[in-house]
């Protein structure tokens, strides 16, 4: 990474250096608190945000629901939804975001679910598949489907970067 470039590789003329800093700066200026659901990255997103000093003013809490049971118990995702669509699906990502908002005091939820690999993929759901959901309390979810290339670490990193970028896009439009 070059000096002055964000973790997404883009220079930011407003003074923030990383994508994480830009997200936190935007949330602070809008008075927004976040809840994070990481069913693919296992806490990497929260870790990246909380590496930045002052993140506690924005990050309200996080969930790492890897199993079906934890998605149901912690976030109220209907087991029938998971059985019908799988835990790596647009429906699951949206339900995770909705459940996180219902169980927190946050204004916005970022949820992700996916298959980081190296195993676990199928022809219909390959390694690298991820669904990202960003949702404002009282609003509709934006859900994206991606298939990221690379090894486990690269997939997880790509999920984090796209989740942060999607949140920043939504905040710019709606806050």
Protein backbone atom coordinates (compact mmCIF):
# COMPACT_ATOMS: atom_id res chain seq x y z
CA UNK A 1 0.00 0.00 0.00
CA UNK A 2 1.32 3.42 -0.83
CA UNK A 3 1.37 6.19 1.76
CA UNK A 4 -1.93 8.08 1.74
CA UNK A 5 -3.77 5.22 0.04
CA UNK A 6 -6.66 3.47 1.75
CA UNK A 7 -6.93 -0.28 2.25
CA UNK A 8 -9.03 -0.30 -0.92
CA UNK A 9 -6.04 1.20 -2.77
CA UNK A 10 -7.68 4.57 -3.33
CA UNK A 11 -6.32 7.92 -2.24
CA UNK A 12 -8.67 9.96 -0.12
CA UNK A 13 -8.38 13.72 -0.56
CA UNK A 14 -10.45 14.35 2.61
CA UNK A 15 -7.57 13.33 4.86
CA UNK A 16 -8.61 9.85 6.05
CA UNK A 17 -6.07 7.27 4.96
CA UNK A 18 -7.86 3.94 5.06
CA UNK A 19 -11.27 2.64 4.14
CA UNK A 20 -11.81 1.79 7.80
CA UNK A 21 -11.00 5.36 8.84
CA UNK A 22 -13.33 6.78 6.19
CA UNK A 23 -16.19 4.55 7.36
CA UNK A 24 -15.66 5.48 11.00
CA UNK A 25 -15.32 9.17 10.16
CA UNK A 26 -18.58 9.11 8.16
CA UNK A 27 -20.41 7.25 10.93
CA UNK A 28 -19.15 9.64 13.61
CA UNK A 29 -20.15 12.69 11.60
CA UNK A 30 -23.64 11.23 11.05
CA UNK A 31 -24.01 10.04 14.65
CA UNK A 32 -24.34 6.43 13.44
CA UNK A 33 -23.65 3.27 15.48
CA UNK A 34 -22.91 -0.07 13.78
CA UNK A 35 -23.66 -3.69 14.51
CA UNK A 36 -21.61 -6.27 12.62
CA UNK A 37 -22.49 -9.87 11.75
CA UNK A 38 -19.58 -11.96 10.49
CA UNK A 39 -20.59 -15.46 9.44
CA UNK A 40 -17.71 -15.61 6.92
CA UNK A 41 -14.86 -13.49 8.26
CA UNK A 42 -15.06 -14.54 11.91
CA UNK A 43 -14.49 -11.11 13.42
CA UNK A 44 -12.03 -9.73 10.87
CA UNK A 45 -14.35 -6.82 9.97
CA UNK A 46 -14.78 -5.80 13.60
CA UNK A 47 -11.06 -6.24 14.16
CA UNK A 48 -10.20 -3.97 11.26
CA UNK A 49 -12.57 -1.26 12.44
CA UNK A 50 -11.45 -1.45 16.05
CA UNK A 51 -7.79 -1.13 15.09
CA UNK A 52 -8.66 2.53 14.48
CA UNK A 53 -8.61 4.69 17.62
CA UNK A 54 -12.05 5.98 18.53
CA UNK A 55 -13.93 3.06 16.94
CA UNK A 56 -15.86 2.50 20.16
CA UNK A 57 -17.90 5.62 19.36
CA UNK A 58 -19.23 3.79 16.28
CA UNK A 59 -19.02 0.01 16.75
CA UNK A 60 -21.89 -0.94 19.05
CA UNK A 61 -21.36 -4.72 18.95
CA UNK A 62 -20.59 -7.69 16.76
CA UNK A 63 -21.81 -11.24 16.24
CA UNK A 64 -19.86 -14.19 14.84
CA UNK A 65 -22.55 -16.81 14.16
CA UNK A 66 -20.85 -19.66 12.31
CA UNK A 67 -23.34 -22.47 13.00
CA UNK A 68 -27.02 -22.67 12.05
CA UNK A 69 -27.79 -22.90 15.76
CA UNK A 70 -25.99 -19.66 16.56
CA UNK A 71 -27.74 -17.83 13.71
CA UNK A 72 -31.09 -19.00 15.11
CA UNK A 73 -30.29 -18.50 18.82
CA UNK A 74 -28.32 -15.23 18.67
CA UNK A 75 -30.06 -13.46 15.80
CA UNK A 76 -33.47 -15.06 15.44
CA UNK A 77 -32.91 -16.28 11.88
CA UNK A 78 -35.69 -18.77 11.15
CA UNK A 79 -34.29 -22.30 10.89
CA UNK A 80 -36.69 -22.89 7.98
CA UNK A 81 -35.05 -20.03 6.06
CA UNK A 82 -31.61 -21.59 6.55
CA UNK A 83 -32.86 -25.04 5.59
CA UNK A 84 -34.58 -23.74 2.46
CA UNK A 85 -31.88 -21.34 1.23
CA UNK A 86 -28.73 -22.30 3.09
CA UNK A 87 -26.71 -20.14 5.43
CA UNK A 88 -24.79 -18.75 2.45
CA UNK A 89 -27.62 -16.96 0.67
CA UNK A 90 -29.09 -13.52 0.12
CA UNK A 91 -31.99 -14.43 2.38
CA UNK A 92 -29.67 -15.44 5.20
CA UNK A 93 -27.57 -12.28 4.87
CA UNK A 94 -30.66 -10.08 5.09
CA UNK A 95 -32.07 -12.05 8.03
CA UNK A 96 -28.73 -11.72 9.84
CA UNK A 97 -28.74 -7.95 9.37
CA UNK A 98 -32.37 -7.65 10.48
CA UNK A 99 -31.77 -9.83 13.55
CA UNK A 100 -28.70 -7.83 14.53
CA UNK A 101 -30.62 -4.57 14.42
CA UNK A 102 -33.42 -6.09 16.51
CA UNK A 103 -30.89 -7.22 19.13
CA UNK A 104 -28.80 -4.06 19.36
CA UNK A 105 -29.02 -0.33 19.74
CA UNK A 106 -27.21 0.24 16.44
CA UNK A 107 -28.51 2.37 13.59
CA UNK A 108 -26.96 0.29 10.79
CA UNK A 109 -26.11 -3.38 10.37
CA UNK A 110 -23.46 -4.95 8.16
CA UNK A 111 -23.85 -8.70 7.72
CA UNK A 112 -21.85 -11.14 5.67
CA UNK A 113 -21.98 -14.84 5.04
CA UNK A 114 -19.89 -16.88 2.66
CA UNK A 115 -17.51 -19.69 1.86
CA UNK A 116 -13.91 -18.61 2.41
CA UNK A 117 -12.43 -22.03 1.62
CA UNK A 118 -10.34 -23.86 0.90
CA UNK A 119 -13.13 -26.46 1.22
CA UNK A 120 -16.88 -26.23 1.53
CA UNK A 121 -17.70 -25.12 -1.99
CA UNK A 122 -20.11 -26.79 -4.39
CA UNK A 123 -20.85 -26.19 -8.08
CA UNK A 124 -23.80 -23.96 -7.07
CA UNK A 125 -22.01 -22.30 -4.16
CA UNK A 126 -18.30 -22.12 -4.97
CA UNK A 127 -15.45 -21.20 -2.66
CA UNK A 128 -15.27 -17.41 -2.63
CA UNK A 129 -19.05 -16.92 -2.71
CA UNK A 130 -20.23 -14.26 -0.27
CA UNK A 131 -23.44 -12.37 0.37
CA UNK A 132 -23.21 -8.95 2.00
CA UNK A 133 -26.14 -7.09 3.52
CA UNK A 134 -26.22 -3.50 4.73
CA UNK A 135 -29.37 -2.30 6.43
CA UNK A 136 -30.50 0.86 8.18
CA UNK A 137 -32.84 0.52 11.15
CA UNK A 138 -36.37 0.84 9.76
CA UNK A 139 -35.11 0.56 6.18
CA UNK A 140 -34.63 -2.03 3.49
CA UNK A 141 -31.51 -4.13 3.14
CA UNK A 142 -29.11 -3.82 0.25
CA UNK A 143 -27.79 -7.30 -0.48
CA UNK A 144 -24.95 -8.10 -2.85
CA UNK A 145 -23.66 -11.43 -4.15
CA UNK A 146 -19.96 -11.79 -4.96
CA UNK A 147 -17.56 -14.55 -5.87
CA UNK A 148 -14.10 -13.47 -4.74
CA UNK A 149 -10.91 -15.06 -6.05
CA UNK A 150 -7.99 -16.18 -3.96
CA UNK A 151 -7.10 -18.26 -0.95
CA UNK A 152 -8.96 -18.14 2.37
CA UNK A 153 -7.17 -15.01 3.57
CA UNK A 154 -7.71 -13.18 0.28
CA UNK A 155 -11.42 -14.05 0.22
CA UNK A 156 -11.91 -12.90 3.80
CA UNK A 157 -10.03 -9.67 3.10
CA UNK A 158 -12.11 -9.03 -0.04
CA UNK A 159 -15.34 -9.60 1.92
CA UNK A 160 -14.26 -7.05 4.54
CA UNK A 161 -13.23 -4.46 1.94
CA UNK A 162 -16.46 -4.78 -0.06
CA UNK A 163 -18.63 -4.74 3.08
CA UNK A 164 -16.99 -1.50 4.22
CA UNK A 165 -17.28 0.05 0.76
CA UNK A 166 -20.96 -0.94 0.52
CA UNK A 167 -21.65 0.57 3.92
CA UNK A 168 -19.88 3.78 2.92
CA UNK A 169 -21.95 3.94 -0.28
CA UNK A 170 -25.22 3.51 1.65
CA UNK A 171 -24.21 6.04 4.29
CA UNK A 172 -23.39 8.59 1.63
CA UNK A 173 -26.87 8.26 0.16
CA UNK A 174 -29.01 7.84 3.27
CA UNK A 175 -27.41 9.55 6.26
